[in-house]
Protein backbone atom coordinates (compact mmCIF):
# COMPACT_ATOMS: atom_id res chain seq x y z
CA UNK A 1 0.00 0.00 0.00
CA UNK A 2 1.46 3.35 -1.08
CA UNK A 3 2.21 5.84 1.62
CA UNK A 4 -0.04 8.89 1.61
CA UNK A 5 1.58 12.21 0.80
CA UNK A 6 1.85 14.93 3.41
CA UNK A 7 -0.51 17.87 3.28
CA UNK A 8 1.39 20.62 1.47
CA UNK A 9 -0.46 23.34 3.37
CA UNK A 10 0.86 22.04 6.71
CA UNK A 11 4.38 21.87 5.31
CA UNK A 12 4.19 25.42 3.98
CA UNK A 13 2.81 26.69 7.29
CA UNK A 14 5.59 24.92 9.21
CA UNK A 15 8.22 26.57 6.98
CA UNK A 16 6.52 29.93 7.42
CA UNK A 17 6.45 29.53 11.23
CA UNK A 18 10.15 28.68 11.22
CA UNK A 19 10.95 31.90 9.33
CA UNK A 20 8.59 34.19 11.31
CA UNK A 21 9.67 36.43 14.15
CA UNK A 22 8.31 35.81 17.61
CA UNK A 23 5.97 38.80 17.71
CA UNK A 24 4.27 37.88 14.41
CA UNK A 25 4.14 34.21 15.24
CA UNK A 26 0.57 34.21 16.74
CA UNK A 27 -0.94 35.69 13.59
CA UNK A 28 0.92 33.16 11.47
CA UNK A 29 -0.34 30.25 13.58
CA UNK A 30 -3.94 31.43 13.12
CA UNK A 31 -3.69 30.25 9.51
CA UNK A 32 -3.84 26.74 10.91
CA UNK A 33 -7.54 27.39 11.67
CA UNK A 34 -8.48 27.36 7.98
CA UNK A 35 -6.60 24.11 7.43
CA UNK A 36 -8.38 22.40 10.34
CA UNK A 37 -11.76 23.69 9.17
CA UNK A 38 -11.34 21.76 5.93
CA UNK A 39 -10.96 18.60 8.02
CA UNK A 40 -14.14 19.48 9.94
CA UNK A 41 -15.97 19.85 6.60
CA UNK A 42 -14.81 16.37 5.53
CA UNK A 43 -12.57 17.51 2.66
CA UNK A 44 -9.44 15.82 4.06
CA UNK A 45 -8.64 13.11 6.59
CA UNK A 46 -9.35 14.42 10.10
CA UNK A 47 -6.88 12.19 12.00
CA UNK A 48 -4.07 12.38 9.45
CA UNK A 49 -4.13 16.17 9.36
CA UNK A 50 -3.82 16.47 13.15
CA UNK A 51 -1.00 13.95 13.21
CA UNK A 52 0.88 16.02 10.65
CA UNK A 53 0.34 19.14 12.76
CA UNK A 54 1.95 17.27 15.66
CA UNK A 55 4.80 15.88 13.55
CA UNK A 56 5.78 19.33 12.26
CA UNK A 57 5.76 20.69 15.86
CA UNK A 58 3.05 23.22 15.12
CA UNK A 59 1.10 22.13 18.19
CA UNK A 60 4.15 22.51 20.43
CA UNK A 61 4.83 25.98 19.04
CA UNK A 62 1.20 26.90 19.59
CA UNK A 63 1.49 25.91 23.27
CA UNK A 64 4.67 27.97 23.71
CA UNK A 65 3.12 31.04 22.07
CA UNK A 66 0.40 31.17 24.73
CA UNK A 67 2.86 32.33 27.42
CA UNK A 68 3.53 35.62 25.62
CA UNK A 69 2.15 38.95 26.69
CA UNK A 70 -0.53 39.58 24.11
CA UNK A 71 -0.96 43.23 24.99
CA UNK A 72 1.86 43.98 22.52
CA UNK A 73 0.69 41.48 19.88
CA UNK A 74 -1.49 42.63 16.93
CA UNK A 75 -5.08 41.80 17.83
CA UNK A 76 -4.13 41.69 21.49
CA UNK A 77 -6.29 39.41 23.67
CA UNK A 78 -8.67 38.48 20.87
CA UNK A 79 -5.72 36.82 19.14
CA UNK A 80 -4.92 34.95 22.37
CA UNK A 81 -8.50 33.65 22.67
CA UNK A 82 -8.44 32.49 19.06
CA UNK A 83 -5.17 30.66 19.69
CA UNK A 84 -6.64 28.88 22.73
CA UNK A 85 -9.63 27.79 20.67
CA UNK A 86 -7.25 26.65 17.92
CA UNK A 87 -5.30 24.63 20.48
CA UNK A 88 -8.44 22.83 21.70
CA UNK A 89 -9.48 22.12 18.11
CA UNK A 90 -6.04 20.80 17.09
CA UNK A 91 -5.71 18.62 20.21
CA UNK A 92 -9.09 16.90 19.89
CA UNK A 93 -9.02 13.63 17.97
CA UNK A 94 -5.24 13.44 18.03
CA UNK A 95 -4.15 9.87 17.27
CA UNK A 96 -0.48 9.26 18.11
CA UNK A 97 1.68 6.27 19.02
CA UNK A 98 1.48 5.24 22.65
CA UNK A 99 4.77 6.82 23.73
CA UNK A 100 4.07 10.12 21.99
CA UNK A 101 0.49 10.21 23.27
CA UNK A 102 1.73 9.64 26.81
CA UNK A 103 4.25 12.46 26.41
CA UNK A 104 1.55 14.74 25.04
CA UNK A 105 -0.84 14.03 27.92
CA UNK A 106 1.73 14.15 30.73
CA UNK A 107 3.91 17.07 29.60
CA UNK A 108 2.43 19.18 26.83
CA UNK A 109 -1.18 19.32 28.00
CA UNK A 110 -0.39 20.32 31.63
CA UNK A 111 2.00 22.99 30.37
CA UNK A 112 -0.65 24.24 27.92
CA UNK A 113 -3.15 24.34 30.78
CA UNK A 114 -0.76 26.46 32.89
CA UNK A 115 -0.26 28.87 30.01
CA UNK A 116 -4.03 29.10 29.45
CA UNK A 117 -4.67 29.89 33.13
CA UNK A 118 -1.81 32.41 33.05
CA UNK A 119 -3.43 34.04 30.03
CA UNK A 120 -6.76 34.12 31.88
CA UNK A 121 -5.05 35.71 34.88
CA UNK A 122 -3.60 38.42 32.67
CA UNK A 123 -7.01 39.18 31.16
CA UNK A 124 -8.41 39.26 34.68
CA UNK A 125 -5.71 41.79 35.57
CA UNK A 126 -6.82 43.92 32.62
CA UNK A 127 -10.39 43.91 34.02
CA UNK A 128 -9.05 45.01 37.43
CA UNK A 129 -7.03 47.76 35.79
CA UNK A 130 -10.17 49.12 34.12
CA UNK A 131 -11.57 50.07 37.51
CA UNK A 132 -8.44 52.03 38.40
CA UNK A 133 -7.73 53.68 35.05
CA UNK A 134 -10.02 56.18 33.40
CA UNK A 135 -10.80 54.75 30.00
CA UNK A 136 -13.57 55.38 27.51
CA UNK A 137 -16.53 53.03 27.75
CA UNK A 138 -15.23 50.85 30.60
CA UNK A 139 -18.38 48.67 30.62
CA UNK A 140 -17.92 47.75 26.98
CA UNK A 141 -14.27 46.86 27.59
CA UNK A 142 -15.23 44.87 30.68
CA UNK A 143 -17.88 42.91 28.76
CA UNK A 144 -15.33 42.25 26.01
CA UNK A 145 -12.72 40.90 28.45
CA UNK A 146 -15.37 38.85 30.26
CA UNK A 147 -16.35 37.31 26.94
CA UNK A 148 -12.71 36.39 26.36
CA UNK A 149 -12.54 34.62 29.72
CA UNK A 150 -15.76 32.69 29.03
CA UNK A 151 -14.43 31.60 25.63
CA UNK A 152 -11.17 30.43 27.21
CA UNK A 153 -13.05 28.45 29.87
CA UNK A 154 -15.17 26.78 27.15
CA UNK A 155 -11.96 25.77 25.37
CA UNK A 156 -10.64 24.29 28.62
CA UNK A 157 -13.85 22.28 29.02
CA UNK A 158 -13.52 21.08 25.43
CA UNK A 159 -9.95 19.93 26.12
CA UNK A 160 -10.97 18.18 29.36
CA UNK A 161 -13.81 16.36 27.62
CA UNK A 162 -11.31 14.90 25.13
CA UNK A 163 -8.62 14.12 27.71
CA UNK A 164 -10.21 13.28 31.07
CA UNK A 165 -6.79 12.96 32.73
CA UNK A 166 -6.54 16.71 32.34
CA UNK A 167 -9.34 17.21 34.90
CA UNK A 168 -7.01 16.42 37.80
CA UNK A 169 -4.45 18.89 36.42
CA UNK A 170 -7.13 21.56 36.22
CA UNK A 171 -8.29 21.07 39.80
CA UNK A 172 -4.82 21.00 41.34
CA UNK A 173 -3.50 23.94 39.32
CA UNK A 174 -2.48 26.88 41.59
CA UNK A 175 -3.81 29.29 39.00
CA UNK A 176 -7.34 27.98 39.57
CA UNK A 177 -7.50 29.27 43.14
CA UNK A 178 -6.09 32.62 42.03
CA UNK A 179 -8.85 32.90 39.46
CA UNK A 180 -11.45 32.02 42.12
CA UNK A 181 -10.15 34.53 44.65
CA UNK A 182 -11.06 37.52 42.46
CA UNK A 183 -14.10 39.62 43.31
CA UNK A 184 -15.21 40.08 39.70
CA UNK A 185 -18.60 38.25 39.49
CA UNK A 186 -18.54 37.43 35.78
CA UNK A 187 -15.04 35.95 35.98
CA UNK A 188 -15.92 33.93 39.05
CA UNK A 189 -19.10 32.57 37.39
CA UNK A 190 -17.13 31.55 34.27
CA UNK A 191 -14.44 29.74 36.33
CA UNK A 192 -16.98 27.98 38.60
CA UNK A 193 -19.05 26.92 35.58
CA UNK A 194 -15.88 25.47 34.01
CA UNK A 195 -15.18 23.53 37.21
CA UNK A 196 -18.75 22.20 37.28
CA UNK A 197 -18.47 20.93 33.68
CA UNK A 198 -15.07 19.27 34.07
CA UNK A 199 -16.13 17.54 37.31
CA UNK A 200 -19.23 16.31 35.50
CA UNK A 201 -16.97 14.94 32.72
CA UNK A 202 -14.64 13.07 35.09
CA UNK A 203 -15.55 13.31 38.77
CA UNK A 204 -13.14 10.54 39.76
CA UNK A 205 -10.35 13.11 39.50
CA UNK A 206 -11.40 14.52 42.90
CA UNK A 207 -10.22 11.31 44.59
CA UNK A 208 -6.94 11.34 42.65
CA UNK A 209 -5.68 14.73 43.90
CA UNK A 210 -4.58 15.87 47.34
CA UNK A 211 -7.49 16.36 49.77
CA UNK A 212 -6.05 19.70 50.86
CA UNK A 213 -6.57 21.03 47.35
CA UNK A 214 -10.18 19.84 47.38
CA UNK A 215 -10.70 21.50 50.76
CA UNK A 216 -9.17 24.75 49.45
CA UNK A 217 -11.53 24.77 46.48
CA UNK A 218 -14.46 23.97 48.76
CA UNK A 219 -13.41 26.77 51.18
CA UNK A 220 -13.39 29.29 48.37
CA UNK A 221 -16.80 28.16 47.11
CA UNK A 222 -18.29 28.35 50.61
CA UNK A 223 -16.77 31.79 50.98
CA UNK A 224 -18.44 32.91 47.74
CA UNK A 225 -21.82 31.68 48.99
CA UNK A 226 -21.41 33.27 52.43
CA UNK A 227 -20.02 36.68 51.52
CA UNK A 228 -21.03 37.39 47.95
CA UNK A 229 -24.46 38.87 47.18
CA UNK A 230 -24.44 38.22 43.43
CA UNK A 231 -27.16 35.72 42.47
CA UNK A 232 -25.19 34.28 39.55
CA UNK A 233 -22.16 33.63 41.77
CA UNK A 234 -24.29 32.03 44.49
CA UNK A 235 -26.14 29.78 42.02
CA UNK A 236 -22.93 28.68 40.27
CA UNK A 237 -21.13 28.00 43.58
CA UNK A 238 -24.10 25.99 44.92
CA UNK A 239 -24.28 23.85 41.77
CA UNK A 240 -20.53 23.26 41.85
CA UNK A 241 -20.62 22.17 45.52
CA UNK A 242 -23.45 19.73 44.76
CA UNK A 243 -21.51 18.36 41.81
CA UNK A 244 -18.42 17.85 44.01
CA UNK A 245 -20.54 16.04 46.60
CA UNK A 246 -22.06 13.78 43.95
CA UNK A 247 -18.68 12.91 42.48
CA UNK A 248 -16.86 12.50 45.84
CA UNK A 249 -19.23 11.26 48.56
CA UNK A 250 -16.67 11.69 51.39
CA UNK A 251 -16.92 15.46 50.97
CA UNK A 252 -20.45 15.31 52.38
CA UNK A 253 -19.18 14.36 55.83
CA UNK A 254 -16.53 17.10 55.67
CA UNK A 255 -19.15 19.60 54.54
CA UNK A 256 -21.37 18.81 57.53
CA UNK A 257 -18.59 18.88 60.14
CA UNK A 258 -16.33 21.63 58.79
CA UNK A 259 -19.01 24.18 57.87
CA UNK A 260 -21.53 23.90 60.69
CA UNK A 261 -22.49 27.57 60.48
CA UNK A 262 -23.23 27.50 56.77
CA UNK A 263 -26.91 26.68 57.04
CA UNK A 264 -28.03 30.04 58.56
CA UNK A 265 -26.05 31.90 55.91
CA UNK A 266 -27.96 30.15 53.14
CA UNK A 267 -31.20 31.82 54.19
CA UNK A 268 -30.38 34.95 52.20
CA UNK A 269 -30.54 32.99 48.92
CA UNK A 270 -34.18 31.93 49.28
CA UNK A 271 -36.30 33.11 46.37
CA UNK A 272 -33.29 34.00 44.20
CA UNK A 273 -34.04 31.59 41.35
CA UNK A 274 -32.10 28.44 42.29
CA UNK A 275 -34.32 27.06 45.05
CA UNK A 276 -33.94 23.45 43.84
CA UNK A 277 -30.12 23.39 44.19
CA UNK A 278 -30.34 25.33 47.47
CA UNK A 279 -32.80 22.79 48.85
CA UNK A 280 -30.48 19.91 47.95
CA UNK A 281 -27.56 21.64 49.72
CA UNK A 282 -29.69 22.20 52.81
CA UNK A 283 -30.65 18.52 52.81
CA UNK A 284 -26.96 17.57 52.72
CA UNK A 285 -26.25 19.86 55.69
CA UNK A 286 -29.23 18.58 57.68
CA UNK A 287 -28.50 14.87 57.22
CA UNK A 288 -24.90 15.07 58.43
CA UNK A 289 -23.51 12.09 56.50
CA UNK A 290 -23.20 10.85 52.97
CA UNK A 291 -25.35 7.76 53.60
CA UNK A 292 -28.15 9.76 55.17
CA UNK A 293 -27.88 12.33 52.41
CA UNK A 294 -28.24 9.58 49.81
CA UNK A 295 -31.24 8.12 51.63
CA UNK A 296 -32.77 11.58 51.87
CA UNK A 297 -32.12 12.06 48.18
CA UNK A 298 -33.91 8.80 47.40
CA UNK A 299 -36.73 9.83 49.73
CA UNK A 300 -37.13 13.18 47.98
CA UNK A 301 -36.97 11.43 44.61
CA UNK A 302 -39.73 9.03 45.70
CA UNK A 303 -41.81 11.98 46.94
CA UNK A 304 -41.24 13.76 43.64
CA UNK A 305 -42.25 10.66 41.66
CA UNK A 306 -45.38 10.21 43.78
CA UNK A 307 -46.26 13.88 43.38
CA UNK A 308 -45.80 13.65 39.61
CA UNK A 309 -47.91 10.49 39.47
CA UNK A 310 -50.67 11.93 41.64
CA UNK A 311 -50.61 15.14 39.68
CA UNK A 312 -50.88 13.18 36.43
CA UNK A 313 -53.80 11.13 37.76
CA UNK A 314 -55.53 14.26 39.08
CA UNK A 315 -55.09 16.05 35.75
CA UNK A 316 -56.49 13.05 33.93
CA UNK A 317 -59.49 12.97 36.26
CA UNK A 318 -60.03 16.71 35.86
CA UNK A 319 -59.78 16.37 32.10
CA UNK A 320 -62.32 13.55 32.12
CA UNK A 321 -64.56 15.50 34.53
CA UNK A 322 -64.42 18.55 32.26
CA UNK A 323 -65.28 16.39 29.26
CA UNK A 324 -68.15 14.77 31.22
CA UNK A 325 -69.50 18.15 32.33
CA UNK A 326 -69.29 19.45 28.77
CA UNK A 327 -71.14 16.40 27.52
CA UNK A 328 -73.75 16.71 30.28
CA UNK A 329 -74.31 20.40 29.58
CA UNK A 330 -74.51 19.79 25.83
CA UNK A 331 -76.98 16.93 26.34
CA UNK A 332 -79.03 19.02 28.78
CA UNK A 333 -79.21 21.95 26.36
CA UNK A 334 -80.15 19.65 23.48
CA UNK A 335 -82.87 18.06 25.60
CA UNK A 336 -84.23 21.50 26.59
CA UNK A 337 -84.17 22.65 22.97
CA UNK A 338 -85.96 19.45 21.91
CA UNK A 339 -88.63 19.94 24.59
CA UNK A 340 -89.06 23.57 23.57
CA UNK A 341 -89.47 22.60 19.90
CA UNK A 342 -91.93 19.86 20.91
CA UNK A 343 -94.03 22.36 22.91
CA UNK A 344 -94.03 24.82 20.00
CA UNK A 345 -94.93 22.08 17.53
CA UNK A 346 -97.72 20.84 19.85
CA UNK A 347 -99.07 24.35 20.11
CA UNK A 348 -99.01 24.80 16.33
CA UNK A 349 -100.69 21.42 15.79
CA UNK A 350 -103.40 22.27 18.33
CA UNK A 351 -104.09 25.59 16.62
CA UNK A 352 -104.17 23.84 13.24
CA UNK A 353 -106.64 21.16 14.43
CA UNK A 354 -108.77 23.86 16.01
CA UNK A 355 -108.94 25.83 12.76
CA UNK A 356 -109.60 22.62 10.85
CA UNK A 357 -112.49 21.75 13.19
CA UNK A 358 -113.96 25.21 12.80
CA UNK A 359 -113.64 24.95 9.02
CA UNK A 360 -115.44 21.58 9.03
CA UNK A 361 -118.20 22.95 11.21
CA UNK A 362 -118.57 25.90 8.84
CA UNK A 363 -118.72 23.60 5.80
CA UNK A 364 -121.26 21.34 7.55
CA UNK A 365 -123.40 24.31 8.50
CA UNK A 366 -123.34 25.72 4.97
CA UNK A 367 -124.22 22.28 3.56
CA UNK A 368 -127.17 21.90 5.89
CA UNK A 369 -128.36 25.43 5.09
CA UNK A 370 -128.23 24.69 1.36
CA UNK A 371 -130.14 21.43 1.95
CA UNK A 372 -132.85 23.16 3.97
CA UNK A 373 -133.08 25.84 1.31
CA UNK A 374 -133.55 23.19 -1.40
CA UNK A 375 -136.22 21.41 0.67
CA UNK A 376 -138.07 24.73 1.16
CA UNK A 377 -138.23 25.53 -2.54
CA UNK A 378 -138.94 21.91 -3.58
CA UNK A 379 -142.57 20.74 -4.13
CA UNK A 380 -143.95 18.62 -1.32
CA UNK A 381 -144.51 15.65 -3.64
CA UNK A 382 -140.74 15.35 -4.48
CA UNK A 383 -139.49 15.66 -0.93
CA UNK A 384 -139.81 11.91 0.02
CA UNK A 385 -138.10 10.86 -3.20
CA UNK A 386 -135.31 13.43 -2.57
CA UNK A 387 -134.76 12.19 0.96
CA UNK A 388 -134.72 8.56 -0.21
CA UNK A 389 -132.14 9.37 -2.89
CA UNK A 390 -129.98 11.11 -0.31
CA UNK A 391 -130.15 8.10 2.00
CA UNK A 392 -129.21 5.79 -0.88
CA UNK A 393 -126.23 7.97 -1.87
CA UNK A 394 -125.11 8.13 1.74
CA UNK A 395 -125.33 4.34 2.10
CA UNK A 396 -123.31 3.82 -1.12
CA UNK A 397 -120.69 6.24 0.08
CA UNK A 398 -120.48 4.56 3.49
CA UNK A 399 -120.17 1.13 1.89
CA UNK A 400 -117.45 2.43 -0.46
CA UNK A 401 -115.47 3.89 2.40
CA UNK A 402 -115.85 0.70 4.45
CA UNK A 403 -114.75 -1.57 1.60
CA UNK A 404 -111.74 0.70 0.89
CA UNK A 405 -110.84 0.65 4.57
CA UNK A 406 -111.20 -3.12 4.69
CA UNK A 407 -109.06 -3.63 1.57
CA UNK A 408 -106.41 -1.27 2.89
CA UNK A 409 -106.25 -3.32 6.10
CA UNK A 410 -105.84 -6.51 4.07
CA UNK A 411 -103.15 -5.00 1.78
CA UNK A 412 -100.11 -5.54 4.12
CA UNK A 413 -101.00 -9.21 4.49
CA UNK A 414 -101.37 -9.65 0.75
CA UNK A 415 -98.07 -7.85 0.17
CA UNK A 416 -96.39 -10.13 2.71
CA UNK A 417 -97.81 -13.20 0.97
CA UNK A 418 -96.66 -11.90 -2.42
CA UNK A 419 -93.17 -11.24 -1.06
CA UNK A 420 -93.03 -14.76 0.40
CA UNK A 421 -94.15 -16.25 -2.91
CA UNK A 422 -91.45 -14.30 -4.77
CA UNK A 423 -88.88 -15.42 -2.22
CA UNK A 424 -89.93 -19.05 -2.56
CA UNK A 425 -89.77 -18.83 -6.35
CA UNK A 426 -86.30 -17.27 -6.17
CA UNK A 427 -85.10 -19.90 -3.69
CA UNK A 428 -86.48 -22.73 -5.82
CA UNK A 429 -84.89 -21.28 -8.97
CA UNK A 430 -81.52 -20.95 -7.20
CA UNK A 431 -81.73 -24.50 -5.82
CA UNK A 432 -82.60 -25.89 -9.22
CA UNK A 433 -79.65 -24.08 -10.82
CA UNK A 434 -77.38 -25.34 -8.06
CA UNK A 435 -78.63 -28.92 -8.55
CA UNK A 436 -78.16 -28.60 -12.33
CA UNK A 437 -74.57 -27.46 -11.79
CA UNK A 438 -73.99 -30.43 -9.47
CA UNK A 439 -75.46 -32.79 -12.06
CA UNK A 440 -73.21 -31.32 -14.73
CA UNK A 441 -70.19 -31.75 -12.48
CA UNK A 442 -71.16 -35.34 -11.73
CA UNK A 443 -71.68 -36.20 -15.38
CA UNK A 444 -68.89 -38.32 -16.70
CA UNK A 445 -67.33 -37.77 -20.04
CA UNK A 446 -69.36 -39.81 -22.60
CA UNK A 447 -67.47 -42.88 -23.60
CA UNK A 448 -69.72 -43.51 -26.58
CA UNK A 449 -68.05 -40.70 -28.52
CA UNK A 450 -65.71 -41.66 -31.32
CA UNK A 451 -62.01 -41.47 -30.56
CA UNK A 452 -60.29 -38.37 -31.94
CA UNK A 453 -59.36 -38.77 -35.61
CA UNK A 454 -61.69 -41.77 -36.25
CA UNK A 455 -63.62 -40.83 -39.38
CA UNK A 456 -65.82 -43.12 -41.47
CA UNK A 457 -63.08 -43.63 -44.05
CA UNK A 458 -60.57 -44.43 -41.31
CA UNK A 459 -63.04 -46.80 -39.67
CA UNK A 460 -63.66 -48.70 -42.98
CA UNK A 461 -59.91 -48.89 -43.58
CA UNK A 462 -59.29 -50.35 -40.11
CA UNK A 463 -62.19 -52.80 -40.56
CA UNK A 464 -60.72 -53.98 -43.87
CA UNK A 465 -57.31 -54.49 -42.24
CA UNK A 466 -58.93 -56.59 -39.49
CA UNK A 467 -60.78 -58.77 -42.09
CA UNK A 468 -57.61 -59.29 -44.08
CA UNK A 469 -55.71 -60.34 -40.95
CA UNK A 470 -58.46 -62.78 -40.01
CA UNK A 471 -58.44 -64.33 -43.49
CA UNK A 472 -54.67 -64.68 -43.51
CA UNK A 473 -54.57 -65.91 -39.91
CA UNK A 474 -57.54 -68.25 -39.36
CA UNK A 475 -58.39 -69.29 -35.86
CA UNK A 476 -57.02 -72.75 -35.10
CA UNK A 477 -59.19 -75.22 -33.38
CA UNK A 478 -58.59 -75.12 -29.68
CA UNK A 479 -59.82 -76.83 -26.60
CA UNK A 480 -62.62 -75.31 -24.49
CA UNK A 481 -60.12 -74.40 -21.79
CA UNK A 482 -57.98 -72.40 -24.22
CA UNK A 483 -61.06 -70.68 -25.64
CA UNK A 484 -62.16 -69.76 -22.09
CA UNK A 485 -58.69 -68.35 -21.33
CA UNK A 486 -58.74 -66.27 -24.54
CA UNK A 487 -62.24 -65.04 -23.73
CA UNK A 488 -61.17 -64.07 -20.23
CA UNK A 489 -58.12 -62.20 -21.55
CA UNK A 490 -60.25 -60.33 -24.11
CA UNK A 491 -62.77 -59.39 -21.39
CA UNK A 492 -59.96 -58.04 -19.19
CA UNK A 493 -58.56 -55.99 -22.05
CA UNK A 494 -62.01 -54.61 -22.82
CA UNK A 495 -62.53 -53.82 -19.14
CA UNK A 496 -59.17 -52.05 -18.95
CA UNK A 497 -60.08 -50.07 -22.06
CA UNK A 498 -63.41 -48.93 -20.61
CA UNK A 499 -61.74 -48.12 -17.23
CA UNK A 500 -59.21 -45.78 -18.85
CA UNK A 501 -61.33 -44.36 -21.64
CA UNK A 502 -63.02 -41.82 -19.36
CA UNK A 503 -59.77 -40.17 -18.27
CA UNK A 504 -58.57 -40.21 -21.87
CA UNK A 505 -61.81 -38.62 -23.10
CA UNK A 506 -61.61 -36.02 -20.29
CA UNK A 507 -57.99 -35.21 -21.14
CA UNK A 508 -58.90 -35.00 -24.84
CA UNK A 509 -61.82 -32.70 -24.05
CA UNK A 510 -59.54 -30.40 -21.99
CA UNK A 511 -56.96 -30.47 -24.75
CA UNK A 512 -59.57 -29.51 -27.35
CA UNK A 513 -60.82 -26.67 -25.12
CA UNK A 514 -57.26 -25.42 -24.60
CA UNK A 515 -56.56 -25.55 -28.36
CA UNK A 516 -59.81 -23.66 -29.05
CA UNK A 517 -58.85 -21.06 -26.45
CA UNK A 518 -55.36 -20.70 -27.93
CA UNK A 519 -56.89 -20.29 -31.38
CA UNK A 520 -59.19 -17.58 -30.07
CA UNK A 521 -56.32 -15.80 -28.27
CA UNK A 522 -54.06 -16.00 -31.34
CA UNK A 523 -56.86 -14.57 -33.47
CA UNK A 524 -57.33 -11.73 -30.98
CA UNK A 525 -53.59 -11.04 -31.01
CA UNK A 526 -53.49 -11.00 -34.82
CA UNK A 527 -56.46 -8.60 -34.93
CA UNK A 528 -55.04 -6.38 -32.14
CA UNK A 529 -55.18 -2.64 -32.92
CA UNK A 530 -52.02 -0.46 -32.75
CA UNK A 531 -51.09 0.98 -29.35
CA UNK A 532 -51.94 4.56 -30.32
CA UNK A 533 -55.58 3.63 -31.05
CA UNK A 534 -56.17 1.33 -28.03
CA UNK A 535 -59.37 2.06 -26.08
CA UNK A 536 -60.56 0.97 -22.65
CA UNK A 537 -62.72 -1.69 -24.27
CA UNK A 538 -59.65 -3.18 -25.98
CA UNK A 539 -57.74 -3.18 -22.67
CA UNK A 540 -60.62 -5.03 -21.01
CA UNK A 541 -60.76 -7.51 -23.89
CA UNK A 542 -57.03 -8.31 -23.79
CA UNK A 543 -56.81 -8.55 -20.00
CA UNK A 544 -56.28 -12.06 -18.67
CA UNK A 545 -58.21 -13.18 -15.57
CA UNK A 546 -55.75 -15.97 -14.85
CA UNK A 547 -53.39 -15.27 -11.94
CA UNK A 548 -50.54 -17.51 -13.27
CA UNK A 549 -50.80 -15.91 -16.71
CA UNK A 550 -50.71 -12.43 -15.18
CA UNK A 551 -47.72 -13.31 -13.01
CA UNK A 552 -45.83 -14.78 -15.97
CA UNK A 553 -46.65 -11.74 -18.13
CA UNK A 554 -45.43 -9.39 -15.39
CA UNK A 555 -42.22 -11.40 -15.02
CA UNK A 556 -41.58 -11.38 -18.78
CA UNK A 557 -42.27 -7.64 -18.92
CA UNK A 558 -39.77 -6.92 -16.13
CA UNK A 559 -37.13 -9.12 -17.77
CA UNK A 560 -37.68 -7.41 -21.15
CA UNK A 561 -37.40 -3.93 -19.63
CA UNK A 562 -34.17 -4.88 -17.83
CA UNK A 563 -32.77 -6.36 -21.05
CA UNK A 564 -33.62 -3.19 -23.00
CA UNK A 565 -31.78 -1.08 -20.43
CA UNK A 566 -28.59 -3.14 -20.82
CA UNK A 567 -25.80 -1.81 -23.08
CA UNK A 568 -25.72 -3.13 -26.62
CA UNK A 569 -22.62 -5.27 -26.04
CA UNK A 570 -24.40 -7.26 -23.32
CA UNK A 571 -27.30 -8.11 -25.63
CA UNK A 572 -25.13 -9.70 -28.33
CA UNK A 573 -26.13 -13.26 -29.08
CA UNK A 574 -29.60 -13.04 -27.47
CA UNK A 575 -31.33 -13.25 -30.88
CA UNK A 576 -29.54 -16.54 -31.66
CA UNK A 577 -30.48 -17.96 -28.25
CA UNK A 578 -34.12 -16.94 -28.73
CA UNK A 579 -34.19 -18.54 -32.21
CA UNK A 580 -32.67 -21.76 -30.83
CA UNK A 581 -35.21 -21.87 -28.00
CA UNK A 582 -38.07 -21.30 -30.44
CA UNK A 583 -36.88 -24.15 -32.72
CA UNK A 584 -36.57 -26.49 -29.74
CA UNK A 585 -40.07 -25.50 -28.63
CA UNK A 586 -41.47 -26.27 -32.11
CA UNK A 587 -39.73 -29.64 -32.16
CA UNK A 588 -41.25 -30.49 -28.76
CA UNK A 589 -44.71 -29.57 -30.06
CA UNK A 590 -44.26 -31.69 -33.20
CA UNK A 591 -42.96 -34.60 -31.15
């Protein structure tokens, strides 16, 4: 395997660094940022590029540059922050041989960490100097320097996350306590937050360093909580103390015995926005031991889980109760609206029937008045005949109404009888068709039909051959036993013929049906219209209802499409193979 060439950009940068003066060296090293960004974007090998940076000593030079005083460097402290970020980026993912990696972790990284903390201390000194010197816009400068410190602390966390052995070096560094001792709140918050993150990354480091160092850090954090009034500092210090206690359980006992007067001092932080962390710290102080603190933690966790569960159940019940009340109110309103509509409709119907009754009474009164008027003007001789005719008309009308009413009452029964008769007829017709289909299925193939190909001419020819054979081969005289044996053999052959003739006739019938179907399909294919003039009726006509035929057609279509997509040189010789297959198929048919 050929050895990969070195990245020319790294070589050129190494030559440029070798020829650059010390003051311009930081700006020259910043060009390494663009080279590493190409590795982040995936353009070059990530691991190989960082190994080349190490081999050409660019990483070592970058560590040494950090100890300079950047107040006289172009770009000043911004350049220093960019170099620290570049160092964290170049160190992450570094894959070296075991000896070189050990040297890098035990010598270069601790020295780089000291230089980074020294740089942070110098920036912190610049913030302190702002309060003493009269400069324009001191708040803006202060915010700028504070941002630098936060960026540097983030780079330290990034380094510690890649190399967890660096966490112990961070905690036992003398510069860390000097950074914590400052009274600048923003700087203190940035440093404490960095400590919280690195302890979270590798909390075992607390047991690997001297206990006096841990106690010194804890003393400074307790001091920040007790004396400082800044909420951000108090919250960060409280979270860091809790993280130290979680990572190193022996600190809990020290915390309870060494800082007995801490609990009253924590009262000033109530209601400041970090009540949860403050409550956990108070629980640690109240329990007095790590085991009790852990049991109290489990107890509080169980209480929290029960509260969440009960709250969830209560919310579900409230949600269901709200839905039930909504449904009840909606049903109640619908019922009231229905009752109101029913009362209005009843009132309208009552008024309608009342008007209808009045109208009938008026019509009846007018009819009787007209009748009395006719009787008054009618001669006395015609009155009996008129009354008799009225009675006769009334009787006819009554009889007509009664007969219509009677027939209407009988109509549902007659309709039911007619429906039953139709149903019986339909059932009988269906049963008869079903029995006919069964009879057709049970019918055997007729054995009386002539065998295929047996015409009258063929039959006469075969009969003549049989007569000629009998004349040329007369039957010799035989004994009765021989004649009985011959008769028995002939009967067996005839029986065997009649036993197998049904299956042969059935097979022949299926063969004839298949040939007729193939003839029909071939005729349809020959009469098929061109594709541009195909209609839906043609598609329906040429569609096969057979599942095997459809599956085979789909398979052939897919194979044809794949073959058409192949290059021309892969399809050479397919025509000859198809012709050979077709000839073999014809020979099989003829055979």
